[in-house]
Amino acid sequence: MKKYSFDKVALLGFLLLSGAEGFAQKNVTKSNDSNTPLHLIQPDYPVPYGIVKAEEVEKTLQKVHAYLEKVTPTNFINTKTNEVVSDLSKIDENTALQKGDFRLVSYEWGVTYQAMMLASQYTGDARYKEYTEKRLKFINDAVPFFKKSSGASEDWGTKGPLKGLLNPHALDDCGAMCAAMIKSSVAGTQNNYRPLIDSHINYIMNKEFRLSDGTLARNRPQASTLWLDDMFMGIPAIAQMGKLTGDKKYYDEAIKQVRQFSKRMFNPEKGVYMHGWVEGMTEHPQFHWARANGWAILTKIEVLEALPENYPGREEVLNLLKAHVRGLIKYQSGSGFWHQLLDRNDSYLETSATAIYAYCFAKAINKGWIDKLAYTPATMLAWNAVSTKVNEQGQVEGTCVGTGMGFDPAFYYHRPISPFAAHGYGPVIYAGAEMLNLLKSNQFEINDSSVQLLIKKK
């Protein structure tokens, strides 16, 4: 392994974090064209370049799993005595989840639970599915006891560490967790999540604030505001409910929401979405935040997977997916990452968005929704970039922390990054799992030093 001086390490870190594109070529040669095949000289890539190896993907997934298994305990504790509450009948106002590095009940962890199930499917390793089932069961088993201890009735209580899940007041509280429980139910879990699922779907369909045309909305930071993030916070759960029940009203609602968000927030010239839209504005400042675009493209993937083939409106969602892929691919950096603000190359390179795009591109290729010859090399490049951000502990580095909606560039440019930003873990697991599926189904070659999908000549 190369040894770098402190100054060189600092400079490399600065370049990666700042998103600078001017990577200096170190391997300048004095050879000339008559004595050396110059096109075969190894380029100075900032991240690994080449065909992804399945065994390396599996090692990365195993590191992330091992870390998360260790730092997300499934215990309740008494905050006064610090003792584990093993008897759920003893739950009271002093009961809290045992603290680890991440919360077991959050939209970020709803993504992680779903990604773990996919990783189990594509690796054949039951540990990933067990991670999800253990924690969802732990949460579900505790629900009746928190309901009882809070003294509440049908709203299941407003106190305790499960309060957002039991009595949601925002899409963040329940959407992704609901989708995880539905997927677990469809996969044949022994646990009965239906009471929670029904409660969450009722909130999303009937209680969340909406614009006059029914689009899921918020009243912050301004009245009647759309957050691009909310495509993911609400729509996939609705689509999955259609798959669970067979009721077409959920499919129709999911398609309607995708259409109405996209009508207001998709920029067809750039091929990407703005982060926020406010009904009262005559002009809408466009900040194309990378992770919000990740939630948007992930939503379309989820809806397409849930909808029956040839369902009315499905083609519209598919066309929006294709347009979004075409837009996003234009902004991928030479290092494989995407920038915090997609169309601003001086904003930093961000991990969670890159992982979401790697997953969605790989999924769309595997499903035959986009041209695999065109997009597979870029998808591999994205995974190679993401893999460099998983450290030896299994932590995901370079992820932007939770981010509200703003209307000035400084807000987005200077959001902190942290390995404890929970948003990076589900996307990385998703991306690795789907890359394994991609590698299993296709062959690749290096042709004139570039990654190519191998297409057998007729």
Protein backbone atom coordinates (compact mmCIF):
# COMPACT_ATOMS: atom_id res chain seq x y z
CA MET A 1 0.00 0.00 0.00
CA LYS A 2 1.32 3.45 -0.90
CA LYS A 3 2.50 5.71 1.88
CA TYR A 4 1.41 9.32 1.63
CA SER A 5 2.71 12.32 3.53
CA PHE A 6 0.27 14.21 5.71
CA ASP A 7 0.12 17.05 3.16
CA LYS A 8 -0.77 14.71 0.32
CA VAL A 9 -3.44 12.95 2.39
CA ALA A 10 -4.91 16.30 3.37
CA LEU A 11 -4.89 17.46 -0.24
CA LEU A 12 -6.53 14.26 -1.48
CA GLY A 13 -9.20 14.55 1.22
CA PHE A 14 -9.81 18.16 0.29
CA LEU A 15 -10.24 17.31 -3.37
CA LEU A 16 -12.68 14.49 -2.66
CA LEU A 17 -14.74 16.46 -0.17
CA SER A 18 -14.79 19.64 -2.19
CA GLY A 19 -15.84 17.79 -5.31
CA ALA A 20 -12.98 19.23 -7.32
CA GLU A 21 -12.84 17.68 -10.77
CA GLY A 22 -9.27 18.61 -11.62
CA PHE A 23 -7.55 15.39 -10.58
CA ALA A 24 -3.94 15.79 -11.59
CA GLN A 25 -2.49 12.97 -13.66
CA LYS A 26 0.62 11.65 -11.89
CA ASN A 27 1.62 9.09 -14.48
CA VAL A 28 2.88 11.48 -17.14
CA THR A 29 5.12 9.52 -19.49
CA LYS A 30 8.20 10.52 -21.45
CA SER A 31 7.70 7.65 -23.86
CA ASN A 32 6.54 8.50 -27.34
CA ASP A 33 4.06 7.02 -29.74
CA SER A 34 6.66 5.22 -31.83
CA ASN A 35 8.18 3.14 -29.01
CA THR A 36 5.22 2.64 -26.59
CA PRO A 37 1.52 1.77 -26.95
CA LEU A 38 0.49 4.87 -25.04
CA HIS A 39 -3.19 3.88 -24.97
CA LEU A 40 -2.29 0.99 -22.65
CA ILE A 41 -0.70 3.14 -19.94
CA GLN A 42 -2.63 2.87 -16.70
CA PRO A 43 -4.70 6.01 -16.00
CA ASP A 44 -4.56 7.74 -12.64
CA TYR A 45 -8.10 6.98 -11.47
CA PRO A 46 -9.20 8.60 -8.17
CA VAL A 47 -11.30 5.50 -7.27
CA PRO A 48 -10.95 1.88 -8.46
CA TYR A 49 -11.87 1.41 -12.11
CA GLY A 50 -12.79 -1.85 -13.75
CA ILE A 51 -15.13 -4.82 -13.57
CA VAL A 52 -16.70 -5.25 -10.16
CA LYS A 53 -15.95 -8.57 -8.46
CA ALA A 54 -18.82 -10.34 -6.72
CA GLU A 55 -16.61 -11.53 -3.86
CA GLU A 56 -15.56 -7.95 -3.13
CA VAL A 57 -19.18 -6.79 -3.11
CA GLU A 58 -20.05 -9.55 -0.65
CA LYS A 59 -17.14 -8.58 1.61
CA THR A 60 -18.39 -5.00 1.66
CA LEU A 61 -21.92 -6.08 2.52
CA GLN A 62 -20.66 -8.38 5.25
CA LYS A 63 -18.67 -5.54 6.85
CA VAL A 64 -21.70 -3.25 6.89
CA HIS A 65 -23.92 -6.00 8.30
CA ALA A 66 -21.44 -6.90 11.03
CA TYR A 67 -21.16 -3.26 12.09
CA LEU A 68 -24.93 -2.70 12.16
CA GLU A 69 -25.58 -5.95 14.03
CA LYS A 70 -23.21 -4.71 16.74
CA VAL A 71 -24.45 -1.12 17.05
CA THR A 72 -28.25 -1.54 16.84
CA PRO A 73 -29.22 -3.53 19.96
CA THR A 74 -32.74 -4.83 20.50
CA ASN A 75 -33.40 -4.00 24.13
CA PHE A 76 -35.50 -1.65 26.18
CA ILE A 77 -33.93 -0.12 29.27
CA ASN A 78 -35.23 1.66 32.31
CA THR A 79 -33.74 5.16 32.11
CA LYS A 80 -33.69 5.52 35.91
CA THR A 81 -31.95 2.25 36.73
CA ASN A 82 -30.26 1.65 33.34
CA GLU A 83 -31.39 -1.98 33.60
CA VAL A 84 -32.70 -3.96 30.65
CA VAL A 85 -36.50 -4.31 30.66
CA SER A 86 -36.91 -7.96 29.66
CA ASP A 87 -40.51 -8.23 30.88
CA LEU A 88 -42.59 -6.09 28.50
CA SER A 89 -45.39 -5.88 31.04
CA LYS A 90 -43.02 -3.67 33.10
CA ILE A 91 -42.84 -0.97 30.38
CA ASP A 92 -43.65 2.47 31.81
CA GLU A 93 -42.86 6.14 31.26
CA ASN A 94 -39.20 5.48 32.09
CA THR A 95 -38.75 2.94 29.30
CA ALA A 96 -36.47 3.77 26.36
CA LEU A 97 -34.72 1.92 23.58
CA GLN A 98 -31.17 0.94 24.45
CA LYS A 99 -28.97 3.40 22.63
CA GLY A 100 -26.77 2.28 19.80
CA ASP A 101 -25.37 4.24 16.87
CA PHE A 102 -28.74 4.38 15.09
CA ARG A 103 -32.46 4.39 15.86
CA LEU A 104 -34.45 1.24 15.14
CA VAL A 105 -37.56 3.24 14.28
CA SER A 106 -36.92 5.82 11.56
CA TYR A 107 -37.45 6.21 7.85
CA GLU A 108 -33.73 5.65 7.30
CA TRP A 109 -33.97 2.33 9.08
CA GLY A 110 -37.11 1.44 7.15
CA VAL A 111 -34.85 1.63 4.06
CA THR A 112 -32.18 -0.45 5.81
CA TYR A 113 -34.67 -3.17 6.75
CA GLN A 114 -35.86 -3.42 3.15
CA ALA A 115 -32.30 -3.46 1.80
CA MET A 116 -31.29 -6.24 4.21
CA MET A 117 -34.12 -8.41 2.87
CA LEU A 118 -32.90 -7.89 -0.68
CA ALA A 119 -29.31 -8.67 0.33
CA SER A 120 -30.48 -11.95 1.83
CA GLN A 121 -32.27 -12.81 -1.41
CA TYR A 122 -29.25 -12.18 -3.65
CA THR A 123 -26.52 -13.52 -1.38
CA GLY A 124 -28.39 -16.52 0.01
CA ASP A 125 -27.18 -15.43 3.45
CA ALA A 126 -30.02 -15.61 5.98
CA ARG A 127 -28.25 -13.23 8.38
CA TYR A 128 -29.43 -10.17 6.43
CA LYS A 129 -33.09 -11.18 6.57
CA GLU A 130 -32.70 -12.18 10.22
CA TYR A 131 -31.38 -8.68 10.98
CA THR A 132 -34.64 -7.21 9.70
CA GLU A 133 -37.00 -9.81 11.13
CA LYS A 134 -35.43 -9.67 14.58
CA ARG A 135 -35.86 -5.91 14.84
CA LEU A 136 -39.29 -5.66 13.27
CA LYS A 137 -40.53 -8.43 15.58
CA PHE A 138 -38.95 -6.70 18.59
CA ILE A 139 -40.76 -3.47 17.74
CA ASN A 140 -44.07 -5.14 16.85
CA ASP A 141 -44.15 -7.26 20.01
CA ALA A 142 -43.76 -4.15 22.16
CA VAL A 143 -46.61 -2.19 20.56
CA PRO A 144 -49.47 -3.52 22.75
CA PHE A 145 -47.50 -2.82 25.91
CA PHE A 146 -46.81 0.79 24.98
CA LYS A 147 -50.46 1.19 24.11
CA LYS A 148 -51.39 -0.09 27.55
CA SER A 149 -48.78 1.93 29.43
CA SER A 150 -49.73 5.19 27.77
CA GLY A 151 -53.37 4.81 28.73
CA ALA A 152 -54.38 5.73 25.18
CA SER A 153 -57.09 4.16 23.10
CA GLU A 154 -57.25 3.62 19.36
CA ASP A 155 -54.39 5.98 18.45
CA TRP A 156 -52.00 3.57 20.26
CA GLY A 157 -50.48 6.17 22.45
CA THR A 158 -48.34 9.28 22.17
CA LYS A 159 -45.59 8.45 24.65
CA GLY A 160 -42.44 6.41 24.64
CA PRO A 161 -39.75 5.50 22.11
CA LEU A 162 -42.25 4.15 19.56
CA LYS A 163 -44.44 7.24 19.56
CA GLY A 164 -43.91 8.19 15.90
CA LEU A 165 -44.67 4.66 14.81
CA LEU A 166 -47.73 4.33 17.05
CA ASN A 167 -49.20 7.76 16.42
CA PRO A 168 -47.62 9.25 13.27
CA HIS A 169 -47.70 12.98 12.69
CA ALA A 170 -45.61 13.04 9.50
CA LEU A 171 -44.79 10.76 6.59
CA ASP A 172 -41.27 10.40 8.00
CA ASP A 173 -42.78 8.64 11.02
CA CYS A 174 -44.30 5.74 9.18
CA GLY A 175 -43.91 5.52 5.39
CA ALA A 176 -40.65 3.62 5.01
CA MET A 177 -41.25 1.50 8.10
CA CYS A 178 -44.69 0.58 6.76
CA ALA A 179 -43.21 -0.44 3.40
CA ALA A 180 -40.67 -2.64 5.22
CA MET A 181 -43.40 -4.39 7.18
CA ILE A 182 -45.50 -4.91 4.05
CA LYS A 183 -42.53 -6.42 2.19
CA SER A 184 -41.82 -8.68 5.14
CA SER A 185 -45.47 -9.75 5.17
CA VAL A 186 -45.48 -10.46 1.43
CA ALA A 187 -42.29 -12.51 1.90
CA GLY A 188 -44.11 -14.74 4.39
CA THR A 189 -43.08 -13.55 7.85
CA GLN A 190 -44.56 -15.30 10.87
CA ASN A 191 -45.19 -11.92 12.51
CA ASN A 192 -48.50 -10.08 12.23
CA TYR A 193 -47.70 -6.50 11.25
CA ARG A 194 -51.15 -5.79 9.84
CA PRO A 195 -52.43 -3.57 12.70
CA LEU A 196 -49.41 -1.26 12.31
CA ILE A 197 -49.61 -1.40 8.52
CA ASP A 198 -53.29 -0.45 8.53
CA SER A 199 -52.64 2.39 10.97
CA HIS A 200 -49.84 3.78 8.81
CA ILE A 201 -51.73 3.50 5.54
CA ASN A 202 -54.70 5.22 7.15
CA TYR A 203 -52.42 8.09 8.16
CA ILE A 204 -50.85 8.39 4.70
CA MET A 205 -54.12 8.13 2.80
CA ASN A 206 -56.41 10.10 5.10
CA LYS A 207 -54.53 12.27 7.59
CA GLU A 208 -51.38 13.68 5.98
CA PHE A 209 -51.75 17.28 4.79
CA ARG A 210 -52.33 17.63 1.04
CA LEU A 211 -52.66 20.28 -1.63
CA SER A 212 -56.11 20.86 -3.10
CA ASP A 213 -55.45 18.29 -5.85
CA GLY A 214 -54.47 15.66 -3.27
CA THR A 215 -50.67 15.85 -3.55
CA LEU A 216 -48.93 14.88 -0.28
CA ALA A 217 -47.54 18.10 1.22
CA ARG A 218 -46.23 19.88 4.32
CA ASN A 219 -46.87 23.21 5.95
CA ARG A 220 -43.18 23.92 6.53
CA PRO A 221 -40.98 25.80 6.00
CA GLN A 222 -43.77 27.62 4.15
CA ALA A 223 -47.46 26.83 3.85
CA SER A 224 -48.43 24.25 1.21
CA THR A 225 -44.91 23.04 0.46
CA LEU A 226 -43.83 19.98 -1.51
CA TRP A 227 -40.66 18.21 -0.44
CA LEU A 228 -39.24 15.87 -3.05
CA ASP A 229 -38.26 13.55 -0.18
CA ASP A 230 -41.97 12.93 0.45
CA MET A 231 -42.32 11.00 -2.77
CA PHE A 232 -40.40 8.25 -0.99
CA MET A 233 -41.84 8.86 2.46
CA GLY A 234 -45.37 8.10 1.28
CA ILE A 235 -45.73 6.65 -2.22
CA PRO A 236 -43.88 3.29 -1.98
CA ALA A 237 -45.96 2.27 1.05
CA ILE A 238 -49.12 3.07 -0.89
CA ALA A 239 -47.94 1.01 -3.88
CA GLN A 240 -46.88 -1.88 -1.64
CA MET A 241 -50.32 -1.83 0.00
CA GLY A 242 -51.77 -2.42 -3.44
CA LYS A 243 -49.51 -5.43 -3.82
CA LEU A 244 -50.48 -6.71 -0.36
CA THR A 245 -54.24 -6.31 -0.79
CA GLY A 246 -54.80 -6.31 -4.54
CA ASP A 247 -56.91 -3.17 -4.12
CA LYS A 248 -56.46 -1.00 -7.23
CA LYS A 249 -57.15 2.23 -5.35
CA TYR A 250 -53.64 2.05 -3.91
CA TYR A 251 -52.03 1.56 -7.32
CA ASP A 252 -54.04 4.48 -8.71
CA GLU A 253 -53.06 6.70 -5.79
CA ALA A 254 -49.36 5.87 -6.16
CA ILE A 255 -49.39 6.70 -9.88
CA LYS A 256 -51.31 9.92 -9.22
CA GLN A 257 -48.78 11.04 -6.62
CA VAL A 258 -45.79 10.34 -8.88
CA ARG A 259 -47.48 12.26 -11.69
CA GLN A 260 -48.38 15.28 -9.55
CA PHE A 261 -44.99 15.59 -7.85
CA SER A 262 -43.26 15.29 -11.22
CA LYS A 263 -45.54 17.85 -12.91
CA ARG A 264 -44.42 20.49 -10.43
CA MET A 265 -40.85 19.47 -9.59
CA PHE A 266 -39.23 17.69 -12.56
CA ASN A 267 -37.10 19.91 -14.77
CA PRO A 268 -37.32 18.33 -18.25
CA GLU A 269 -34.38 20.36 -19.61
CA LYS A 270 -32.01 19.19 -16.89
CA GLY A 271 -33.67 15.82 -16.37
CA VAL A 272 -33.64 16.12 -12.57
CA TYR A 273 -35.96 17.35 -9.82
CA MET A 274 -35.88 20.46 -7.68
CA HIS A 275 -35.85 19.79 -3.94
CA GLY A 276 -38.70 22.05 -2.85
CA TRP A 277 -41.81 23.66 -4.32
CA VAL A 278 -44.07 26.16 -2.55
CA GLU A 279 -47.61 26.82 -3.72
CA GLY A 280 -47.47 30.53 -2.93
CA MET A 281 -44.33 31.25 -4.96
CA THR A 282 -44.51 32.81 -8.41
CA GLU A 283 -40.92 31.65 -9.03
CA HIS A 284 -39.41 28.45 -7.68
CA PRO A 285 -35.67 28.56 -6.90
CA GLN A 286 -34.27 25.26 -8.15
CA PHE A 287 -31.77 23.45 -6.00
CA HIS A 288 -31.25 19.95 -7.32
CA TRP A 289 -30.24 18.18 -4.13
CA ALA A 290 -28.74 14.79 -4.84
CA ARG A 291 -30.30 12.66 -2.10
CA ALA A 292 -33.80 14.03 -2.70
CA ASN A 293 -33.37 13.04 -6.34
CA GLY A 294 -32.34 9.66 -4.97
CA TRP A 295 -35.60 9.34 -3.05
CA ALA A 296 -37.50 10.32 -6.20
CA ILE A 297 -35.89 7.75 -8.48
CA LEU A 298 -36.13 5.08 -5.76
CA THR A 299 -39.85 5.82 -5.52
CA LYS A 300 -40.33 5.16 -9.23
CA ILE A 301 -38.40 1.89 -8.92
CA GLU A 302 -40.63 0.84 -6.00
CA VAL A 303 -43.84 1.75 -7.80
CA LEU A 304 -42.84 -0.06 -11.01
CA GLU A 305 -41.96 -3.19 -9.04
CA ALA A 306 -45.31 -3.14 -7.23
CA LEU A 307 -47.58 -2.41 -10.21
CA PRO A 308 -48.92 -5.26 -12.31
CA GLU A 309 -47.64 -5.37 -15.91
CA ASN A 310 -49.73 -3.27 -18.33
CA TYR A 311 -51.50 -1.50 -15.46
CA PRO A 312 -52.97 1.84 -16.66
CA GLY A 313 -50.45 4.61 -15.88
CA ARG A 314 -47.49 2.27 -15.44
CA GLU A 315 -45.97 3.35 -18.77
CA GLU A 316 -46.07 6.97 -17.60
CA VAL A 317 -44.06 6.09 -14.47
CA LEU A 318 -41.60 4.09 -16.58
CA ASN A 319 -41.09 7.01 -18.96
CA LEU A 320 -40.43 9.31 -16.00
CA LEU A 321 -37.86 6.82 -14.72
CA LYS A 322 -36.09 6.75 -18.08
CA ALA A 323 -36.05 10.54 -18.29
CA HIS A 324 -34.64 10.77 -14.77
CA VAL A 325 -31.90 8.24 -15.53
CA ARG A 326 -30.91 10.20 -18.65
CA GLY A 327 -30.78 13.37 -16.60
CA LEU A 328 -28.79 11.93 -13.70
CA ILE A 329 -26.20 10.24 -15.87
CA LYS A 330 -25.14 13.64 -17.25
CA TYR A 331 -24.06 14.74 -13.78
CA GLN A 332 -22.00 11.74 -12.69
CA SER A 333 -18.48 12.93 -11.87
CA GLY A 334 -15.28 11.39 -13.21
CA SER A 335 -14.78 9.74 -9.84
CA GLY A 336 -18.11 7.89 -10.08
CA PHE A 337 -19.82 9.95 -7.38
CA TRP A 338 -22.53 12.55 -7.80
CA HIS A 339 -22.33 16.00 -6.23
CA GLN A 340 -24.37 17.24 -3.28
CA LEU A 341 -26.06 19.66 -5.69
CA LEU A 342 -26.18 17.68 -8.90
CA ASP A 343 -25.47 20.49 -11.34
CA ARG A 344 -22.88 22.32 -9.24
CA ASN A 345 -19.49 20.68 -9.58
CA ASP A 346 -17.96 22.71 -6.78
CA SER A 347 -20.32 21.14 -4.24
CA TYR A 348 -18.95 18.06 -2.50
CA LEU A 349 -19.22 14.46 -3.65
CA GLU A 350 -21.88 12.62 -1.64
CA THR A 351 -22.16 8.93 -0.81
CA SER A 352 -25.83 8.18 -0.04
CA ALA A 353 -27.15 9.65 -3.29
CA THR A 354 -24.49 7.84 -5.30
CA ALA A 355 -25.46 4.57 -3.63
CA ILE A 356 -29.16 5.13 -4.36
CA TYR A 357 -28.41 5.82 -8.02
CA ALA A 358 -26.17 2.75 -8.23
CA TYR A 359 -29.01 0.62 -6.87
CA CYS A 360 -31.72 2.15 -9.04
CA PHE A 361 -29.65 1.96 -12.23
CA ALA A 362 -28.72 -1.66 -11.51
CA LYS A 363 -32.33 -2.56 -10.72
CA ALA A 364 -33.61 -0.85 -13.87
CA ILE A 365 -30.98 -2.68 -15.97
CA ASN A 366 -31.84 -6.02 -14.37
CA LYS A 367 -35.55 -5.45 -15.00
CA GLY A 368 -34.97 -4.46 -18.63
CA TRP A 369 -36.35 -0.96 -18.08
CA ILE A 370 -33.26 0.90 -19.37
CA ASP A 371 -30.56 0.12 -21.93
CA LYS A 372 -28.02 -2.07 -20.18
CA LEU A 373 -25.38 -1.51 -22.85
CA ALA A 374 -25.57 2.23 -22.24
CA TYR A 375 -25.80 2.34 -18.45
CA THR A 376 -23.98 -0.68 -17.00
CA PRO A 377 -20.45 0.85 -17.07
CA ALA A 378 -21.62 3.97 -15.24
CA THR A 379 -23.44 1.81 -12.71
CA MET A 380 -20.26 -0.17 -12.04
CA LEU A 381 -18.33 3.07 -11.70
CA ALA A 382 -20.86 4.28 -9.13
CA TRP A 383 -20.56 1.09 -7.07
CA ASN A 384 -16.75 1.22 -7.20
CA ALA A 385 -16.95 4.77 -5.85
CA VAL A 386 -19.39 3.84 -3.07
CA SER A 387 -17.28 0.84 -2.01
CA THR A 388 -14.37 3.17 -1.16
CA LYS A 389 -16.59 4.85 1.45
CA VAL A 390 -17.14 1.71 3.53
CA ASN A 391 -14.35 1.72 6.10
CA GLU A 392 -12.84 -1.26 7.89
CA GLN A 393 -15.39 -0.98 10.71
CA GLY A 394 -18.21 -1.26 8.19
CA GLN A 395 -19.23 2.38 8.57
CA VAL A 396 -20.41 4.35 5.54
CA GLU A 397 -18.52 7.61 5.20
CA GLY A 398 -19.26 10.73 3.17
CA THR A 399 -23.03 10.85 3.78
CA CYS A 400 -24.80 14.17 4.17
CA VAL A 401 -26.70 14.45 7.45
CA GLY A 402 -30.46 15.03 7.58
CA THR A 403 -31.38 18.05 5.51
CA GLY A 404 -34.43 20.26 5.40
CA MET A 405 -35.44 22.41 2.46
CA GLY A 406 -33.67 25.66 1.64
CA PHE A 407 -33.60 28.38 -0.98
CA ASP A 408 -29.95 29.38 -1.00
CA PRO A 409 -26.85 27.45 -2.10
CA ALA A 410 -24.87 27.82 1.14
CA PHE A 411 -27.46 25.74 2.98
CA TYR A 412 -26.77 22.73 0.76
CA TYR A 413 -23.06 23.26 0.17
CA HIS A 414 -22.19 23.21 3.85
CA ARG A 415 -24.36 20.43 5.26
CA PRO A 416 -22.08 18.23 7.41
CA ILE A 417 -21.20 14.66 6.53
CA SER A 418 -20.94 11.84 9.05
CA PRO A 419 -20.58 8.04 9.29
CA PHE A 420 -23.47 8.29 11.77
CA ALA A 421 -25.80 9.75 9.15
CA ALA A 422 -28.23 6.84 8.95
CA HIS A 423 -29.24 7.70 5.37
CA GLY A 424 -26.19 5.97 3.88
CA TYR A 425 -26.61 2.42 5.14
CA GLY A 426 -29.77 1.17 3.43
CA PRO A 427 -28.70 2.59 0.05
CA VAL A 428 -25.25 0.97 0.26
CA ILE A 429 -26.76 -2.42 1.12
CA TYR A 430 -29.33 -2.02 -1.64
CA ALA A 431 -26.64 -1.09 -4.17
CA GLY A 432 -24.37 -4.00 -3.26
CA ALA A 433 -27.22 -6.50 -3.38
CA GLU A 434 -28.44 -5.37 -6.80
CA MET A 435 -24.87 -5.28 -8.14
CA LEU A 436 -24.58 -8.96 -7.26
CA ASN A 437 -27.71 -9.62 -9.29
CA LEU A 438 -26.27 -7.62 -12.18
CA LEU A 439 -22.99 -9.54 -12.09
CA LYS A 440 -24.84 -12.86 -11.98
CA SER A 441 -26.85 -12.08 -15.09
CA ASN A 442 -24.24 -10.49 -17.37
CA GLN A 443 -20.66 -10.76 -18.57
CA PHE A 444 -18.20 -7.92 -18.93
CA GLU A 445 -14.89 -7.17 -20.57
CA ILE A 446 -12.21 -4.52 -20.68
CA ASN A 447 -11.90 -3.28 -24.24
CA ASP A 448 -9.24 -0.65 -24.98
CA SER A 449 -9.05 -0.08 -21.20
CA SER A 450 -12.77 0.70 -20.79
CA VAL A 451 -15.46 -1.34 -19.03
CA GLN A 452 -17.91 -2.82 -21.52
CA LEU A 453 -20.89 -5.10 -21.30
CA LEU A 454 -20.02 -8.24 -23.24
CA ILE A 455 -22.57 -8.83 -25.98
CA LYS A 456 -22.07 -12.03 -27.92
CA LYS A 457 -21.86 -11.40 -31.66
CA LYS A 458 -24.52 -13.08 -33.76
